PDB file of all heavy atoms in Angstrom:
ATOM      1  N   LEU A   1     108.522  99.652 114.312  1.00  0.00           N
ATOM      2  CA  LEU A   1     107.545  98.670 114.783  1.00  0.00           C
ATOM      3  C   LEU A   1     107.467  98.713 116.308  1.00  0.00           C
ATOM      4  O   LEU A   1     108.483  98.920 116.976  1.00  0.00           O
ATOM      5  CB  LEU A   1     107.960  97.263 114.344  1.00  0.00           C
ATOM      6  CG  LEU A   1     107.936  97.012 112.838  1.00  0.00           C
ATOM      7  CD1 LEU A   1     108.532  95.646 112.526  1.00  0.00           C
ATOM      8  CD2 LEU A   1     106.512  97.117 112.304  1.00  0.00           C
ATOM      9  N   PRO A   2     106.281  98.531 116.866  1.00  0.00           N
ATOM     10  CA  PRO A   2     106.171  98.473 118.322  1.00  0.00           C
ATOM     11  C   PRO A   2     107.010  97.305 118.857  1.00  0.00           C
ATOM     12  O   PRO A   2     107.000  96.213 118.274  1.00  0.00           O
ATOM     13  CB  PRO A   2     104.684  98.231 118.570  1.00  0.00           C
ATOM     14  CG  PRO A   2     103.997  98.653 117.319  1.00  0.00           C
ATOM     15  CD  PRO A   2     104.971  98.404 116.216  1.00  0.00           C
ATOM     16  N   PRO A   3     107.733  97.515 119.930  1.00  0.00           N
ATOM     17  CA  PRO A   3     108.512  96.408 120.516  1.00  0.00           C
ATOM     18  C   PRO A   3     107.608  95.223 120.845  1.00  0.00           C
ATOM     19  O   PRO A   3     106.505  95.400 121.361  1.00  0.00           O
ATOM     20  CB  PRO A   3     109.098  97.021 121.784  1.00  0.00           C
ATOM     21  CG  PRO A   3     109.064  98.503 121.559  1.00  0.00           C
ATOM     22  CD  PRO A   3     107.873  98.759 120.682  1.00  0.00           C
ATOM     23  N   GLY A   4     108.081  94.049 120.514  1.00  0.00           N
ATOM     24  CA  GLY A   4     107.333  92.842 120.827  1.00  0.00           C
ATOM     25  C   GLY A   4     106.319  92.421 119.782  1.00  0.00           C
ATOM     26  O   GLY A   4     105.641  91.413 119.970  1.00  0.00           O
ATOM     27  N   LEU A   5     106.185  93.181 118.690  1.00  0.00           N
ATOM     28  CA  LEU A   5     105.231  92.807 117.639  1.00  0.00           C
ATOM     29  C   LEU A   5     105.981  92.149 116.488  1.00  0.00           C
ATOM     30  O   LEU A   5     106.700  92.818 115.744  1.00  0.00           O
ATOM     31  CB  LEU A   5     104.474  94.032 117.122  1.00  0.00           C
ATOM     32  CG  LEU A   5     103.513  93.759 115.957  1.00  0.00           C
ATOM     33  CD1 LEU A   5     102.394  92.817 116.392  1.00  0.00           C
ATOM     34  CD2 LEU A   5     102.950  95.061 115.415  1.00  0.00           C
ATOM     35  N   PRO A   6     105.834  90.835 116.314  1.00  0.00           N
ATOM     36  CA  PRO A   6     106.494  90.186 115.183  1.00  0.00           C
ATOM     37  C   PRO A   6     105.773  90.530 113.873  1.00  0.00           C
ATOM     38  O   PRO A   6     104.548  90.409 113.785  1.00  0.00           O
ATOM     39  CB  PRO A   6     106.387  88.699 115.493  1.00  0.00           C
ATOM     40  CG  PRO A   6     105.584  88.552 116.723  1.00  0.00           C
ATOM     41  CD  PRO A   6     105.173  89.901 117.198  1.00  0.00           C
ATOM     42  N   VAL A   7     106.544  90.977 112.902  1.00  0.00           N
ATOM     43  CA  VAL A   7     106.002  91.312 111.587  1.00  0.00           C
ATOM     44  C   VAL A   7     106.791  90.524 110.550  1.00  0.00           C
ATOM     45  O   VAL A   7     108.021  90.547 110.542  1.00  0.00           O
ATOM     46  CB  VAL A   7     106.086  92.835 111.312  1.00  0.00           C
ATOM     47  CG1 VAL A   7     105.676  93.153 109.885  1.00  0.00           C
ATOM     48  CG2 VAL A   7     105.206  93.588 112.292  1.00  0.00           C
ATOM     49  N   PHE A   8     106.060  89.822 109.680  1.00  0.00           N
ATOM     50  CA  PHE A   8     106.650  89.017 108.624  1.00  0.00           C
ATOM     51  C   PHE A   8     106.217  89.592 107.280  1.00  0.00           C
ATOM     52  O   PHE A   8     105.030  89.711 107.015  1.00  0.00           O
ATOM     53  CB  PHE A   8     106.177  87.558 108.725  1.00  0.00           C
ATOM     54  CG  PHE A   8     106.563  86.912 110.027  1.00  0.00           C
ATOM     55  CD1 PHE A   8     105.780  87.074 111.158  1.00  0.00           C
ATOM     56  CD2 PHE A   8     107.714  86.158 110.117  1.00  0.00           C
ATOM     57  CE1 PHE A   8     106.134  86.488 112.368  1.00  0.00           C
ATOM     58  CE2 PHE A   8     108.085  85.567 111.317  1.00  0.00           C
ATOM     59  CZ  PHE A   8     107.291  85.731 112.447  1.00  0.00           C
ATOM     60  N   LEU A   9     107.180  89.961 106.460  1.00  0.00           N
ATOM     61  CA  LEU A   9     106.903  90.497 105.130  1.00  0.00           C
ATOM     62  C   LEU A   9     107.338  89.471 104.094  1.00  0.00           C
ATOM     63  O   LEU A   9     108.507  89.071 104.049  1.00  0.00           O
ATOM     64  CB  LEU A   9     107.653  91.810 104.924  1.00  0.00           C
ATOM     65  CG  LEU A   9     107.143  92.977 105.760  1.00  0.00           C
ATOM     66  CD1 LEU A   9     108.240  93.986 106.016  1.00  0.00           C
ATOM     67  CD2 LEU A   9     105.971  93.628 105.064  1.00  0.00           C
ATOM     68  N   HIS A  10     106.405  89.040 103.264  1.00  0.00           N
ATOM     69  CA  HIS A  10     106.672  88.068 102.205  1.00  0.00           C
ATOM     70  C   HIS A  10     106.442  88.731 100.852  1.00  0.00           C
ATOM     71  O   HIS A  10     105.512  89.518 100.689  1.00  0.00           O
ATOM     72  CB  HIS A  10     105.710  86.880 102.305  1.00  0.00           C
ATOM     73  CG  HIS A  10     105.935  86.017 103.500  1.00  0.00           C
ATOM     74  ND1 HIS A  10     106.615  84.837 103.435  1.00  0.00           N
ATOM     75  CD2 HIS A  10     105.559  86.175 104.800  1.00  0.00           C
ATOM     76  CE1 HIS A  10     106.649  84.283 104.636  1.00  0.00           C
ATOM     77  NE2 HIS A  10     106.013  85.069 105.483  1.00  0.00           N
ATOM     78  N   HIS A  11     107.308  88.377  99.889  1.00  0.00           N
ATOM     79  CA  HIS A  11     107.122  88.887  98.531  1.00  0.00           C
ATOM     80  C   HIS A  11     107.733  87.899  97.547  1.00  0.00           C
ATOM     81  O   HIS A  11     108.765  87.291  97.836  1.00  0.00           O
ATOM     82  CB  HIS A  11     107.786  90.259  98.369  1.00  0.00           C
ATOM     83  CG  HIS A  11     107.174  91.077  97.282  1.00  0.00           C
ATOM     84  ND1 HIS A  11     106.512  92.239  97.540  1.00  0.00           N
ATOM     85  CD2 HIS A  11     107.116  90.905  95.948  1.00  0.00           C
ATOM     86  CE1 HIS A  11     106.082  92.764  96.402  1.00  0.00           C
ATOM     87  NE2 HIS A  11     106.433  91.948  95.417  1.00  0.00           N
ATOM     88  N   CYS A  12     107.095  87.759  96.399  1.00  0.00           N
ATOM     89  CA  CYS A  12     107.559  86.836  95.365  1.00  0.00           C
ATOM     90  C   CYS A  12     108.230  87.618  94.237  1.00  0.00           C
ATOM     91  O   CYS A  12     107.711  88.637  93.783  1.00  0.00           O
ATOM     92  CB  CYS A  12     106.386  86.045  94.794  1.00  0.00           C
ATOM     93  SG  CYS A  12     105.569  85.031  96.032  1.00  0.00           S
ATOM     94  N   ARG A  13     109.359  87.102  93.810  1.00  0.00           N
ATOM     95  CA  ARG A  13     110.123  87.747  92.745  1.00  0.00           C
ATOM     96  C   ARG A  13     109.307  87.871  91.455  1.00  0.00           C
ATOM     97  O   ARG A  13     109.452  88.817  90.705  1.00  0.00           O
ATOM     98  CB  ARG A  13     111.410  86.949  92.490  1.00  0.00           C
ATOM     99  CG  ARG A  13     112.423  87.663  91.648  1.00  0.00           C
ATOM    100  CD  ARG A  13     113.743  86.922  91.584  1.00  0.00           C
ATOM    101  NE  ARG A  13     114.370  86.730  92.886  1.00  0.00           N
ATOM    102  CZ  ARG A  13     115.095  87.664  93.532  1.00  0.00           C
ATOM    103  NH1 ARG A  13     115.266  88.852  93.001  1.00  0.00           N
ATOM    104  NH2 ARG A  13     115.641  87.394  94.700  1.00  0.00           N
ATOM    105  N   ASP A  14     108.394  86.937  91.214  1.00  0.00           N
ATOM    106  CA  ASP A  14     107.617  86.972  89.969  1.00  0.00           C
ATOM    107  C   ASP A  14     106.285  87.713  90.109  1.00  0.00           C
ATOM    108  O   ASP A  14     105.409  87.582  89.255  1.00  0.00           O
ATOM    109  CB  ASP A  14     107.402  85.558  89.435  1.00  0.00           C
ATOM    110  CG  ASP A  14     106.524  84.690  90.336  1.00  0.00           C
ATOM    111  OD1 ASP A  14     106.290  85.064  91.506  1.00  0.00           O
ATOM    112  OD2 ASP A  14     106.096  83.619  89.871  1.00  0.00           O
ATOM    113  N   ASP A  15     106.126  88.519  91.156  1.00  0.00           N
ATOM    114  CA  ASP A  15     104.905  89.313  91.324  1.00  0.00           C
ATOM    115  C   ASP A  15     104.760  90.242  90.128  1.00  0.00           C
ATOM    116  O   ASP A  15     105.658  91.022  89.826  1.00  0.00           O
ATOM    117  CB  ASP A  15     104.985  90.118  92.626  1.00  0.00           C
ATOM    118  CG  ASP A  15     103.682  90.818  92.967  1.00  0.00           C
ATOM    119  OD1 ASP A  15     103.093  91.466  92.081  1.00  0.00           O
ATOM    120  OD2 ASP A  15     103.266  90.742  94.130  1.00  0.00           O
ATOM    121  N   GLY A  16     103.624  90.182  89.473  1.00  0.00           N
ATOM    122  CA  GLY A  16     103.381  91.000  88.293  1.00  0.00           C
ATOM    123  C   GLY A  16     102.752  92.349  88.589  1.00  0.00           C
ATOM    124  O   GLY A  16     102.494  93.122  87.675  1.00  0.00           O
ATOM    125  N   THR A  17     102.500  92.655  89.856  1.00  0.00           N
ATOM    126  CA  THR A  17     101.843  93.912  90.209  1.00  0.00           C
ATOM    127  C   THR A  17     102.728  94.799  91.070  1.00  0.00           C
ATOM    128  O   THR A  17     102.979  95.946  90.720  1.00  0.00           O
ATOM    129  CB  THR A  17     100.517  93.628  90.947  1.00  0.00           C
ATOM    130  OG1 THR A  17      99.696  92.796  90.119  1.00  0.00           O
ATOM    131  CG2 THR A  17      99.781  94.913  91.255  1.00  0.00           C
ATOM    132  N   VAL A  18     103.177  94.292  92.199  1.00  0.00           N
ATOM    133  CA  VAL A  18     104.008  95.076  93.113  1.00  0.00           C
ATOM    134  C   VAL A  18     105.475  94.730  92.843  1.00  0.00           C
ATOM    135  O   VAL A  18     105.859  93.567  92.943  1.00  0.00           O
ATOM    136  CB  VAL A  18     103.659  94.769  94.588  1.00  0.00           C
ATOM    137  CG1 VAL A  18     104.566  95.548  95.531  1.00  0.00           C
ATOM    138  CG2 VAL A  18     102.194  95.087  94.864  1.00  0.00           C
ATOM    139  N   PRO A  19     106.283  95.718  92.478  1.00  0.00           N
ATOM    140  CA  PRO A  19     107.693  95.440  92.192  1.00  0.00           C
ATOM    141  C   PRO A  19     108.393  94.783  93.386  1.00  0.00           C
ATOM    142  O   PRO A  19     108.200  95.172  94.535  1.00  0.00           O
ATOM    143  CB  PRO A  19     108.286  96.814  91.896  1.00  0.00           C
ATOM    144  CG  PRO A  19     107.121  97.637  91.431  1.00  0.00           C
ATOM    145  CD  PRO A  19     105.947  97.131  92.241  1.00  0.00           C
ATOM    146  N   PHE A  20     109.190  93.786  93.086  1.00  0.00           N
ATOM    147  CA  PHE A  20     109.903  93.023  94.100  1.00  0.00           C
ATOM    148  C   PHE A  20     110.800  93.930  94.950  1.00  0.00           C
ATOM    149  O   PHE A  20     111.005  93.682  96.134  1.00  0.00           O
ATOM    150  CB  PHE A  20     110.729  91.928  93.420  1.00  0.00           C
ATOM    151  CG  PHE A  20     111.364  90.957  94.359  1.00  0.00           C
ATOM    152  CD1 PHE A  20     110.606  90.069  95.107  1.00  0.00           C
ATOM    153  CD2 PHE A  20     112.739  90.912  94.503  1.00  0.00           C
ATOM    154  CE1 PHE A  20     111.196  89.161  95.969  1.00  0.00           C
ATOM    155  CE2 PHE A  20     113.346  90.012  95.360  1.00  0.00           C
ATOM    156  CZ  PHE A  20     112.565  89.131  96.097  1.00  0.00           C
ATOM    157  N   GLU A  21     111.318  95.003  94.379  1.00  0.00           N
ATOM    158  CA  GLU A  21     112.218  95.915  95.077  1.00  0.00           C
ATOM    159  C   GLU A  21     111.538  96.642  96.228  1.00  0.00           C
ATOM    160  O   GLU A  21     112.214  97.194  97.095  1.00  0.00           O
ATOM    161  CB  GLU A  21     112.806  96.947  94.100  1.00  0.00           C
ATOM    162  CG  GLU A  21     113.681  96.349  93.020  1.00  0.00           C
ATOM    163  CD  GLU A  21     112.898  95.643  91.914  1.00  0.00           C
ATOM    164  OE1 GLU A  21     111.723  96.000  91.658  1.00  0.00           O
ATOM    165  OE2 GLU A  21     113.465  94.707  91.323  1.00  0.00           O
ATOM    166  N   HIS A  22     110.222  96.648  96.258  1.00  0.00           N
ATOM    167  CA  HIS A  22     109.525  97.293  97.377  1.00  0.00           C
ATOM    168  C   HIS A  22     109.879  96.615  98.692  1.00  0.00           C
ATOM    169  O   HIS A  22     109.920  97.255  99.732  1.00  0.00           O
ATOM    170  CB  HIS A  22     108.018  97.288  97.146  1.00  0.00           C
ATOM    171  CG  HIS A  22     107.579  98.279  96.124  1.00  0.00           C
ATOM    172  ND1 HIS A  22     106.355  98.910  96.177  1.00  0.00           N
ATOM    173  CD2 HIS A  22     108.181  98.754  95.010  1.00  0.00           C
ATOM    174  CE1 HIS A  22     106.230  99.736  95.150  1.00  0.00           C
ATOM    175  NE2 HIS A  22     107.334  99.641  94.418  1.00  0.00           N
ATOM    176  N   LEU A  23     110.144  95.316  98.631  1.00  0.00           N
ATOM    177  CA  LEU A  23     110.530  94.594  99.836  1.00  0.00           C
ATOM    178  C   LEU A  23     111.848  95.122 100.397  1.00  0.00           C
ATOM    179  O   LEU A  23     112.018  95.218 101.613  1.00  0.00           O
ATOM    180  CB  LEU A  23     110.635  93.095  99.540  1.00  0.00           C
ATOM    181  CG  LEU A  23     110.822  92.169 100.733  1.00  0.00           C
ATOM    182  CD1 LEU A  23     109.676  92.302 101.734  1.00  0.00           C
ATOM    183  CD2 LEU A  23     110.955  90.733 100.261  1.00  0.00           C
ATOM    184  N   ASP A  24     112.774  95.521  99.523  1.00  0.00           N
ATOM    185  CA  ASP A  24     114.043  96.102  99.973  1.00  0.00           C
ATOM    186  C   ASP A  24     113.803  97.402 100.745  1.00  0.00           C
ATOM    187  O   ASP A  24     114.476  97.669 101.746  1.00  0.00           O
ATOM    188  CB  ASP A  24     114.965  96.384  98.782  1.00  0.00           C
ATOM    189  CG  ASP A  24     115.379  95.116  98.051  1.00  0.00           C
ATOM    190  OD1 ASP A  24     115.436  94.044  98.681  1.00  0.00           O
ATOM    191  OD2 ASP A  24     115.646  95.219  96.837  1.00  0.00           O
TER     192      ASP A  24
END
Protein backbone atom coordinates (compact mmCIF):
# COMPACT_ATOMS: atom_id res chain seq x y z
CA LEU A 1 0.00 0.00 0.00
CA PRO A 2 1.22 3.54 -0.65
CA PRO A 3 2.51 5.09 2.58
CA GLY A 4 -0.11 7.26 4.21
CA LEU A 5 -3.12 5.63 2.54
CA PRO A 6 -5.48 4.12 5.12
CA VAL A 7 -7.17 0.99 3.78
CA PHE A 8 -9.96 -0.78 5.67
CA LEU A 9 -10.98 -4.30 4.63
CA HIS A 10 -14.29 -5.60 5.97
CA HIS A 11 -15.71 -9.09 5.52
CA CYS A 12 -18.58 -11.03 7.08
CA ARG A 13 -18.20 -14.64 8.15
CA ASP A 14 -21.64 -15.47 6.72
CA ASP A 15 -20.87 -14.10 3.22
CA GLY A 16 -22.44 -16.54 0.79
CA THR A 17 -20.37 -15.46 -2.22
CA VAL A 18 -16.80 -14.53 -1.30
CA PRO A 19 -15.15 -17.04 1.05
CA PHE A 20 -14.31 -15.52 4.42
CA GLU A 21 -10.74 -16.88 4.15
CA HIS A 22 -10.00 -14.38 1.39
CA LEU A 23 -9.66 -11.78 4.12
CA ASP A 24 -6.78 -13.81 5.62
